[in-house]
Amino acid sequence: MARVIDAIGDRNSLLIAFSGGVDSSVLARLAVESRASVLAVTADSELLGDCGLAHAREVADEIGIEHAVFDFRILKRREFVENTYNRCYHCKKYMVLELAEIASGKGIETVADGTNTTDLTEDRPGYAAIKEAGVFTPFVDFRLEKLEIREIARYFGMSVADAPSESCFATRIPHSMEITAQCLSRIAQAESVLHAHGMHGVRVKIRDRDDLACVEIQQCDLEQFMAVRGEVAAEFRQIGFDRTVLSQNHRL
């Protein structure tokens, strides 16, 4: 942890791509410890949703860090909405370009991201865009894994320490199915239904057809889901999902 703090301090000023998840939040907290000048920036788009933005604001307030939000118009990028295998590459490329512009306008020297070594055990096209742009990734540089980052969060008593890993709404849509604002909105509404029934760390994915909702929940929420599944299915039908199924791999 001390090596990461020192490395951040050496950068003098830092803009952090901030989602409010455990990785970017711990990076922001360590930046505060480093005494570097730091700004957390969140990309507001249909990929995040109102709940995601509200959460990012809350965590930034908890950390006590300066926080800014910009309007990220990724759905205007055809190479993204076509939803090919490299979707995440295009998203990260355009996001970093906008973050770099914000940093330049504020005289900030470095753009930083909370990617860690556990992330790199999965296929991450977006990471290639991050590295191409020269984004600072201290958790990768110092080989910190997700479990270690959670331990740091616990050390600082952060609310996100045990929060389930999240991903943007585009990951709920199978490759080759076009990403639309309407589809993303339906996913966001469906996940809000599950939140309202007391389940968190949930994902509602589309499988093959856009009227089928495939629900992924944590193991600890399985009993609650089964108790309210009839109500959930009815509410999902109002959103536009004619069928609702529980993923066989329901544990996130």
C-alpha atoms as a PDB file:
ATOM      1  CA  MET A   1       0.000   0.000   0.000  1.00  0.00           C
ATOM      2  CA  ALA A   2       2.785   2.426   0.902  1.00  0.00           C
ATOM      3  CA  ARG A   3       4.438   1.934  -2.501  1.00  0.00           C
ATOM      4  CA  VAL A   4       1.211   2.808  -4.290  1.00  0.00           C
ATOM      5  CA  ILE A   5       0.737   5.918  -2.152  1.00  0.00           C
ATOM      6  CA  ASP A   6       4.298   7.035  -2.888  1.00  0.00           C
ATOM      7  CA  ALA A   7       3.862   6.419  -6.618  1.00  0.00           C
ATOM      8  CA  ILE A   8       0.666   8.484  -6.646  1.00  0.00           C
ATOM      9  CA  GLY A   9       2.376  11.265  -4.699  1.00  0.00           C
ATOM     10  CA  ASP A  10       5.166  11.358  -7.270  1.00  0.00           C
ATOM     11  CA  ARG A  11       2.587  12.261  -9.926  1.00  0.00           C
ATOM     12  CA  ASN A  12       1.715  15.531  -8.151  1.00  0.00           C
ATOM     13  CA  SER A  13      -1.733  15.811  -9.726  1.00  0.00           C
ATOM     14  CA  LEU A  14      -4.114  13.047 -10.688  1.00  0.00           C
ATOM     15  CA  LEU A  15      -7.475  12.597 -12.421  1.00  0.00           C
ATOM     16  CA  ILE A  16      -9.083   9.285 -11.473  1.00  0.00           C
ATOM     17  CA  ALA A  17     -11.657   7.539 -13.665  1.00  0.00           C
ATOM     18  CA  PHE A  18     -14.198   7.060 -10.881  1.00  0.00           C
ATOM     19  CA  SER A  19     -17.153   4.672 -10.901  1.00  0.00           C
ATOM     20  CA  GLY A  20     -17.651   4.368  -7.145  1.00  0.00           C
ATOM     21  CA  GLY A  21     -16.691   0.690  -7.247  1.00  0.00           C
ATOM     22  CA  VAL A  22     -14.127  -0.714  -4.845  1.00  0.00           C
ATOM     23  CA  ASP A  23     -11.152  -0.336  -7.221  1.00  0.00           C
ATOM     24  CA  SER A  24     -11.570   3.303  -8.204  1.00  0.00           C
ATOM     25  CA  SER A  25     -12.698   4.178  -4.678  1.00  0.00           C
ATOM     26  CA  VAL A  26      -9.619   2.671  -3.041  1.00  0.00           C
ATOM     27  CA  LEU A  27      -7.429   4.390  -5.628  1.00  0.00           C
ATOM     28  CA  ALA A  28      -9.096   7.685  -4.729  1.00  0.00           C
ATOM     29  CA  ARG A  29      -8.633   7.025  -1.002  1.00  0.00           C
ATOM     30  CA  LEU A  30      -4.935   6.281  -1.480  1.00  0.00           C
ATOM     31  CA  ALA A  31      -4.619   9.447  -3.555  1.00  0.00           C
ATOM     32  CA  VAL A  32      -5.956  11.399  -0.590  1.00  0.00           C
ATOM     33  CA  GLU A  33      -3.290   9.757   1.585  1.00  0.00           C
ATOM     34  CA  SER A  34      -0.588  10.718  -0.926  1.00  0.00           C
ATOM     35  CA  ARG A  35      -1.465  14.412  -0.628  1.00  0.00           C
ATOM     36  CA  ALA A  36      -1.376  14.743  -4.415  1.00  0.00           C
ATOM     37  CA  SER A  37      -3.870  17.098  -6.015  1.00  0.00           C
ATOM     38  CA  VAL A  38      -6.650  14.730  -7.093  1.00  0.00           C
ATOM     39  CA  LEU A  39      -9.943  14.903  -8.959  1.00  0.00           C
ATOM     40  CA  ALA A  40     -12.360  11.963  -9.305  1.00  0.00           C
ATOM     41  CA  VAL A  41     -14.348  12.058 -12.558  1.00  0.00           C
ATOM     42  CA  THR A  42     -17.400   9.958 -13.425  1.00  0.00           C
ATOM     43  CA  ALA A  43     -18.710   9.393 -16.949  1.00  0.00           C
ATOM     44  CA  ASP A  44     -22.482   9.828 -16.882  1.00  0.00           C
ATOM     45  CA  SER A  45     -24.189   7.786 -19.590  1.00  0.00           C
ATOM     46  CA  GLU A  46     -26.896   5.203 -20.195  1.00  0.00           C
ATOM     47  CA  LEU A  47     -24.271   2.569 -19.278  1.00  0.00           C
ATOM     48  CA  LEU A  48     -24.226   3.726 -15.658  1.00  0.00           C
ATOM     49  CA  GLY A  49     -27.807   4.641 -14.850  1.00  0.00           C
ATOM     50  CA  ASP A  50     -29.154   7.045 -12.242  1.00  0.00           C
ATOM     51  CA  CYS A  51     -28.478   4.649  -9.359  1.00  0.00           C
ATOM     52  CA  GLY A  52     -24.874   4.181 -10.431  1.00  0.00           C
ATOM     53  CA  LEU A  53     -24.275   7.919 -10.645  1.00  0.00           C
ATOM     54  CA  ALA A  54     -25.901   8.528  -7.262  1.00  0.00           C
ATOM     55  CA  HIS A  55     -23.696   5.821  -5.752  1.00  0.00           C
ATOM     56  CA  ALA A  56     -20.547   7.380  -7.229  1.00  0.00           C
ATOM     57  CA  ARG A  57     -21.492  10.731  -5.722  1.00  0.00           C
ATOM     58  CA  GLU A  58     -22.110   9.160  -2.305  1.00  0.00           C
ATOM     59  CA  VAL A  59     -18.777   7.342  -2.261  1.00  0.00           C
ATOM     60  CA  ALA A  60     -16.895  10.450  -3.388  1.00  0.00           C
ATOM     61  CA  ASP A  61     -18.498  12.354  -0.506  1.00  0.00           C
ATOM     62  CA  GLU A  62     -17.540   9.551   1.882  1.00  0.00           C
ATOM     63  CA  ILE A  63     -13.907   9.726   0.758  1.00  0.00           C
ATOM     64  CA  GLY A  64     -13.938  13.517   0.895  1.00  0.00           C
ATOM     65  CA  ILE A  65     -12.572  13.945  -2.608  1.00  0.00           C
ATOM     66  CA  GLU A  66     -13.350  16.524  -5.271  1.00  0.00           C
ATOM     67  CA  HIS A  67     -15.727  14.923  -7.751  1.00  0.00           C
ATOM     68  CA  ALA A  68     -16.847  15.926 -11.243  1.00  0.00           C
ATOM     69  CA  VAL A  69     -19.255  14.362 -13.723  1.00  0.00           C
ATOM     70  CA  PHE A  70     -19.264  14.649 -17.504  1.00  0.00           C
ATOM     71  CA  ASP A  71     -21.840  13.664 -20.086  1.00  0.00           C
ATOM     72  CA  PHE A  72     -20.427  10.668 -21.969  1.00  0.00           C
ATOM     73  CA  ARG A  73     -22.207  10.250 -25.322  1.00  0.00           C
ATOM     74  CA  ILE A  74     -20.900   6.797 -26.183  1.00  0.00           C
ATOM     75  CA  LEU A  75     -24.122   5.754 -27.950  1.00  0.00           C
ATOM     76  CA  LYS A  76     -23.230   8.189 -30.719  1.00  0.00           C
ATOM     77  CA  ARG A  77     -20.240   5.985 -31.580  1.00  0.00           C
ATOM     78  CA  ARG A  78     -21.260   3.417 -34.166  1.00  0.00           C
ATOM     79  CA  GLU A  79     -18.318   1.124 -33.441  1.00  0.00           C
ATOM     80  CA  PHE A  80     -19.610   0.828 -29.881  1.00  0.00           C
ATOM     81  CA  VAL A  81     -23.327   0.328 -30.503  1.00  0.00           C
ATOM     82  CA  GLU A  82     -22.607  -2.403 -33.053  1.00  0.00           C
ATOM     83  CA  ASN A  83     -21.509  -4.388 -29.994  1.00  0.00           C
ATOM     84  CA  THR A  84     -18.680  -6.399 -31.479  1.00  0.00           C
ATOM     85  CA  TYR A  85     -16.068  -8.260 -29.467  1.00  0.00           C
ATOM     86  CA  ASN A  86     -14.051  -5.014 -29.184  1.00  0.00           C
ATOM     87  CA  ARG A  87     -16.931  -2.981 -27.766  1.00  0.00           C
ATOM     88  CA  CYS A  88     -15.089  -2.263 -24.510  1.00  0.00           C
ATOM     89  CA  TYR A  89     -11.974  -1.154 -26.396  1.00  0.00           C
ATOM     90  CA  HIS A  90     -13.933   1.546 -28.207  1.00  0.00           C
ATOM     91  CA  CYS A  91     -15.700   2.644 -25.035  1.00  0.00           C
ATOM     92  CA  LYS A  92     -12.475   3.005 -23.068  1.00  0.00           C
ATOM     93  CA  LYS A  93     -10.714   4.717 -25.961  1.00  0.00           C
ATOM     94  CA  TYR A  94     -13.304   7.486 -26.189  1.00  0.00           C
ATOM     95  CA  MET A  95     -13.668   7.749 -22.428  1.00  0.00           C
ATOM     96  CA  VAL A  96      -9.930   8.224 -21.925  1.00  0.00           C
ATOM     97  CA  LEU A  97      -9.857  10.874 -24.658  1.00  0.00           C
ATOM     98  CA  GLU A  98     -12.499  12.852 -22.780  1.00  0.00           C
ATOM     99  CA  LEU A  99     -10.827  12.326 -19.415  1.00  0.00           C
ATOM    100  CA  ALA A 100      -7.520  13.502 -20.872  1.00  0.00           C
ATOM    101  CA  GLU A 101      -9.221  16.629 -22.216  1.00  0.00           C
ATOM    102  CA  ILE A 102     -10.712  17.366 -18.806  1.00  0.00           C
ATOM    103  CA  ALA A 103      -7.328  16.799 -17.162  1.00  0.00           C
ATOM    104  CA  SER A 104      -5.588  19.102 -19.632  1.00  0.00           C
ATOM    105  CA  GLY A 105      -8.148  21.834 -19.064  1.00  0.00           C
ATOM    106  CA  LYS A 106      -7.522  21.693 -15.332  1.00  0.00           C
ATOM    107  CA  GLY A 107      -3.751  21.421 -15.553  1.00  0.00           C
ATOM    108  CA  ILE A 108      -3.750  17.863 -14.185  1.00  0.00           C
ATOM    109  CA  GLU A 109      -0.730  15.829 -15.239  1.00  0.00           C
ATOM    110  CA  THR A 110      -1.946  12.207 -14.998  1.00  0.00           C
ATOM    111  CA  VAL A 111      -5.073  10.196 -15.775  1.00  0.00           C
ATOM    112  CA  ALA A 112      -5.366   7.114 -13.542  1.00  0.00           C
ATOM    113  CA  ASP A 113      -7.522   3.985 -13.531  1.00  0.00           C
ATOM    114  CA  GLY A 114      -8.212   1.313 -10.902  1.00  0.00           C
ATOM    115  CA  THR A 115      -7.612  -1.782 -13.038  1.00  0.00           C
ATOM    116  CA  ASN A 116      -5.939  -4.512 -10.959  1.00  0.00           C
ATOM    117  CA  THR A 117      -4.125  -7.771 -11.727  1.00  0.00           C
ATOM    118  CA  THR A 118      -7.227  -9.883 -11.044  1.00  0.00           C
ATOM    119  CA  ASP A 119      -8.970  -8.022 -13.870  1.00  0.00           C
ATOM    120  CA  LEU A 120      -6.207  -9.097 -16.225  1.00  0.00           C
ATOM    121  CA  THR A 121      -6.950 -12.784 -15.660  1.00  0.00           C
ATOM    122  CA  GLU A 122     -10.076 -12.157 -17.760  1.00  0.00           C
ATOM    123  CA  ASP A 123     -10.318 -11.026 -21.358  1.00  0.00           C
ATOM    124  CA  ARG A 124     -10.327  -7.222 -21.134  1.00  0.00           C
ATOM    125  CA  PRO A 125     -10.257  -5.446 -24.531  1.00  0.00           C
ATOM    126  CA  GLY A 126     -10.729  -2.138 -22.733  1.00  0.00           C
ATOM    127  CA  TYR A 127      -7.393  -2.499 -20.981  1.00  0.00           C
ATOM    128  CA  ALA A 128      -5.595  -2.288 -24.326  1.00  0.00           C
ATOM    129  CA  ALA A 129      -7.120   1.158 -24.893  1.00  0.00           C
ATOM    130  CA  ILE A 130      -6.079   2.223 -21.397  1.00  0.00           C
ATOM    131  CA  LYS A 131      -2.468   1.217 -21.952  1.00  0.00           C
ATOM    132  CA  GLU A 132      -2.319   2.700 -25.453  1.00  0.00           C
ATOM    133  CA  ALA A 133      -3.321   6.041 -23.957  1.00  0.00           C
ATOM    134  CA  GLY A 134      -0.656   5.850 -21.241  1.00  0.00           C
ATOM    135  CA  VAL A 135      -3.129   5.818 -18.358  1.00  0.00           C
ATOM    136  CA  PHE A 136      -1.544   5.283 -14.940  1.00  0.00           C
ATOM    137  CA  THR A 137      -2.626   1.931 -13.447  1.00  0.00           C
ATOM    138  CA  PRO A 138      -0.817   1.629 -10.104  1.00  0.00           C
ATOM    139  CA  PHE A 139      -2.645  -1.523  -8.996  1.00  0.00           C
ATOM    140  CA  VAL A 140      -1.310  -3.293 -12.080  1.00  0.00           C
ATOM    141  CA  ASP A 141       2.133  -1.709 -11.756  1.00  0.00           C
ATOM    142  CA  PHE A 142       2.465  -2.955  -8.176  1.00  0.00           C
ATOM    143  CA  ARG A 143       0.605  -6.208  -8.829  1.00  0.00           C
ATOM    144  CA  LEU A 144      -2.292  -5.733  -6.424  1.00  0.00           C
ATOM    145  CA  GLU A 145      -5.141  -8.227  -6.678  1.00  0.00           C
ATOM    146  CA  LYS A 146      -8.822  -7.612  -5.973  1.00  0.00           C
ATOM    147  CA  LEU A 147      -8.671  -9.294  -2.552  1.00  0.00           C
ATOM    148  CA  GLU A 148      -5.804  -7.023  -1.526  1.00  0.00           C
ATOM    149  CA  ILE A 149      -7.727  -3.957  -2.676  1.00  0.00           C
ATOM    150  CA  ARG A 150     -10.706  -5.048  -0.595  1.00  0.00           C
ATOM    151  CA  GLU A 151      -8.406  -5.453   2.402  1.00  0.00           C
ATOM    152  CA  ILE A 152      -7.199  -1.874   1.925  1.00  0.00           C
ATOM    153  CA  ALA A 153     -10.826  -0.730   1.784  1.00  0.00           C
ATOM    154  CA  ARG A 154     -11.510  -2.524   5.070  1.00  0.00           C
ATOM    155  CA  TYR A 155      -8.422  -0.948   6.604  1.00  0.00           C
ATOM    156  CA  PHE A 156      -9.860   2.490   5.859  1.00  0.00           C
ATOM    157  CA  GLY A 157     -13.388   1.434   6.897  1.00  0.00           C
ATOM    158  CA  MET A 158     -14.815   2.116   3.433  1.00  0.00           C
ATOM    159  CA  SER A 159     -18.437   1.221   2.691  1.00  0.00           C
ATOM    160  CA  VAL A 160     -17.461  -0.400  -0.624  1.00  0.00           C
ATOM    161  CA  ALA A 161     -15.084  -2.929   0.940  1.00  0.00           C
ATOM    162  CA  ASP A 162     -17.404  -5.894   0.433  1.00  0.00           C
ATOM    163  CA  ALA A 163     -19.577  -4.505  -2.350  1.00  0.00           C
ATOM    164  CA  PRO A 164     -20.181  -6.949  -5.232  1.00  0.00           C
ATOM    165  CA  SER A 165     -18.228  -6.297  -8.408  1.00  0.00           C
ATOM    166  CA  GLU A 166     -20.225  -4.268 -10.894  1.00  0.00           C
ATOM    167  CA  SER A 167     -20.047  -3.841 -14.644  1.00  0.00           C
ATOM    168  CA  CYS A 168     -21.708  -1.450 -17.065  1.00  0.00           C
ATOM    169  CA  PHE A 169     -25.124  -2.257 -18.516  1.00  0.00           C
ATOM    170  CA  ALA A 170     -23.639  -2.999 -21.948  1.00  0.00           C
ATOM    171  CA  THR A 171     -22.174  -6.212 -20.524  1.00  0.00           C
ATOM    172  CA  ARG A 172     -25.739  -7.487 -20.085  1.00  0.00           C
ATOM    173  CA  ILE A 173     -26.285  -7.536 -23.855  1.00  0.00           C
ATOM    174  CA  PRO A 174     -24.870 -10.370 -25.991  1.00  0.00           C
ATOM    175  CA  HIS A 175     -22.312  -9.476 -28.642  1.00  0.00           C
ATOM    176  CA  SER A 176     -23.766  -8.654 -32.072  1.00  0.00           C
ATOM    177  CA  MET A 177     -27.071  -7.425 -30.588  1.00  0.00           C
ATOM    178  CA  GLU A 178     -27.152  -3.665 -31.111  1.00  0.00           C
ATOM    179  CA  ILE A 179     -26.886  -1.552 -27.981  1.00  0.00           C
ATOM    180  CA  THR A 180     -29.715   0.975 -27.764  1.00  0.00           C
ATOM    181  CA  ALA A 181     -30.784   3.501 -25.170  1.00  0.00           C
ATOM    182  CA  GLN A 182     -34.137   1.715 -24.887  1.00  0.00           C
ATOM    183  CA  CYS A 183     -32.526  -1.642 -24.162  1.00  0.00           C
ATOM    184  CA  LEU A 184     -30.170  -0.162 -21.567  1.00  0.00           C
ATOM    185  CA  SER A 185     -33.084   1.623 -19.907  1.00  0.00           C
ATOM    186  CA  ARG A 186     -35.063  -1.606 -19.610  1.00  0.00           C
ATOM    187  CA  ILE A 187     -32.097  -3.342 -18.006  1.00  0.00           C
ATOM    188  CA  ALA A 188     -31.655  -0.469 -15.546  1.00  0.00           C
ATOM    189  CA  GLN A 189     -35.364  -0.554 -14.659  1.00  0.00           C
ATOM    190  CA  ALA A 190     -35.290  -4.325 -14.154  1.00  0.00           C
ATOM    191  CA  GLU A 191     -32.301  -4.156 -11.838  1.00  0.00           C
ATOM    192  CA  SER A 192     -34.018  -1.361  -9.897  1.00  0.00           C
ATOM    193  CA  VAL A 193     -36.976  -3.722  -9.380  1.00  0.00           C
ATOM    194  CA  LEU A 194     -34.642  -6.268  -7.791  1.00  0.00           C
ATOM    195  CA  HIS A 195     -33.048  -3.574  -5.637  1.00  0.00           C
ATOM    196  CA  ALA A 196     -36.511  -2.557  -4.441  1.00  0.00           C
ATOM    197  CA  HIS A 197     -37.094  -6.154  -3.348  1.00  0.00           C
ATOM    198  CA  GLY A 198     -33.960  -6.053  -1.203  1.00  0.00           C
ATOM    199  CA  MET A 199     -31.479  -7.672  -3.590  1.00  0.00           C
ATOM    200  CA  HIS A 200     -28.205  -5.979  -4.495  1.00  0.00           C
ATOM    201  CA  GLY A 201     -25.227  -6.941  -6.623  1.00  0.00           C
ATOM    202  CA  VAL A 202     -27.703  -8.147  -9.248  1.00  0.00           C
ATOM    203  CA  ARG A 203     -27.484  -8.326 -13.017  1.00  0.00           C
ATOM    204  CA  VAL A 204     -30.256  -8.667 -15.563  1.00  0.00           C
ATOM    205  CA  LYS A 205     -28.895 -10.021 -18.828  1.00  0.00           C
ATOM    206  CA  ILE A 206     -30.526 -10.477 -22.193  1.00  0.00           C
ATOM    207  CA  ARG A 207     -30.129 -13.849 -23.854  1.00  0.00           C
ATOM    208  CA  ASP A 208     -30.647 -14.183 -27.644  1.00  0.00           C
ATOM    209  CA  ARG A 209     -33.927 -12.265 -27.662  1.00  0.00           C
ATOM    210  CA  ASP A 210     -34.609  -8.905 -26.121  1.00  0.00           C
ATOM    211  CA  ASP A 211     -37.825  -9.957 -24.361  1.00  0.00           C
ATOM    212  CA  LEU A 212     -36.068 -12.598 -22.210  1.00  0.00           C
ATOM    213  CA  ALA A 213     -34.495 -11.454 -18.940  1.00  0.00           C
ATOM    214  CA  CYS A 214     -31.868 -13.718 -17.388  1.00  0.00           C
ATOM    215  CA  VAL A 215     -31.369 -12.789 -13.738  1.00  0.00           C
ATOM    216  CA  GLU A 216     -28.064 -13.222 -11.907  1.00  0.00           C
ATOM    217  CA  ILE A 217     -28.079 -12.745  -8.135  1.00  0.00           C
ATOM    218  CA  GLN A 218     -25.817 -13.448  -5.207  1.00  0.00           C
ATOM    219  CA  GLN A 219     -26.177 -16.768  -3.427  1.00  0.00           C
ATOM    220  CA  CYS A 220     -27.326 -14.968  -0.282  1.00  0.00           C
ATOM    221  CA  ASP A 221     -30.290 -13.472  -2.180  1.00  0.00           C
ATOM    222  CA  LEU A 222     -31.544 -16.735  -3.678  1.00  0.00           C
ATOM    223  CA  GLU A 223     -34.179 -17.367  -0.996  1.00  0.00           C
ATOM    224  CA  GLN A 224     -35.482 -13.803  -1.288  1.00  0.00           C
ATOM    225  CA  PHE A 225     -35.693 -14.054  -5.072  1.00  0.00           C
ATOM    226  CA  MET A 226     -37.657 -17.293  -4.917  1.00  0.00           C
ATOM    227  CA  ALA A 227     -40.081 -15.723  -2.437  1.00  0.00           C
ATOM    228  CA  VAL A 228     -40.891 -12.779  -4.716  1.00  0.00           C
ATOM    229  CA  ARG A 229     -40.247 -14.248  -8.167  1.00  0.00           C
ATOM    230  CA  GLY A 230     -43.934 -13.979  -9.167  1.00  0.00           C
ATOM    231  CA  GLU A 231     -44.009 -10.275  -8.329  1.00  0.00           C
ATOM    232  CA  VAL A 232     -40.680  -9.740 -10.070  1.00  0.00           C
ATOM    233  CA  ALA A 233     -41.878 -11.485 -13.229  1.00  0.00           C
ATOM    234  CA  ALA A 234     -45.021  -9.324 -13.287  1.00  0.00           C
ATOM    235  CA  GLU A 235     -43.031  -6.126 -12.874  1.00  0.00           C
ATOM    236  CA  PHE A 236     -40.572  -7.250 -15.552  1.00  0.00           C
ATOM    237  CA  ARG A 237     -43.484  -7.793 -17.966  1.00  0.00           C
ATOM    238  CA  GLN A 238     -44.505  -4.172 -17.465  1.00  0.00           C
ATOM    239  CA  ILE A 239     -40.969  -3.165 -18.442  1.00  0.00           C
ATOM    240  CA  GLY A 240     -41.072  -5.317 -21.592  1.00  0.00           C
ATOM    241  CA  PHE A 241     -39.538  -8.627 -20.559  1.00  0.00           C
ATOM    242  CA  ASP A 242     -42.116 -11.299 -21.409  1.00  0.00           C
ATOM    243  CA  ARG A 243     -40.063 -14.071 -19.799  1.00  0.00           C
ATOM    244  CA  THR A 244     -37.847 -14.052 -16.715  1.00  0.00           C
ATOM    245  CA  VAL A 245     -35.442 -16.867 -15.847  1.00  0.00           C
ATOM    246  CA  LEU A 246     -32.899 -17.313 -13.088  1.00  0.00           C
ATOM    247  CA  SER A 247     -29.422 -17.986 -14.408  1.00  0.00           C
ATOM    248  CA  GLN A 248     -28.117 -21.457 -13.582  1.00  0.00           C
ATOM    249  CA  ASN A 249     -24.903 -19.699 -12.612  1.00  0.00           C
ATOM    250  CA  HIS A 250     -26.853 -17.374 -10.335  1.00  0.00           C
ATOM    251  CA  ARG A 251     -23.968 -16.582  -8.041  1.00  0.00           C
ATOM    252  CA  LEU A 252     -22.082 -13.427  -9.071  1.00  0.00           C
END
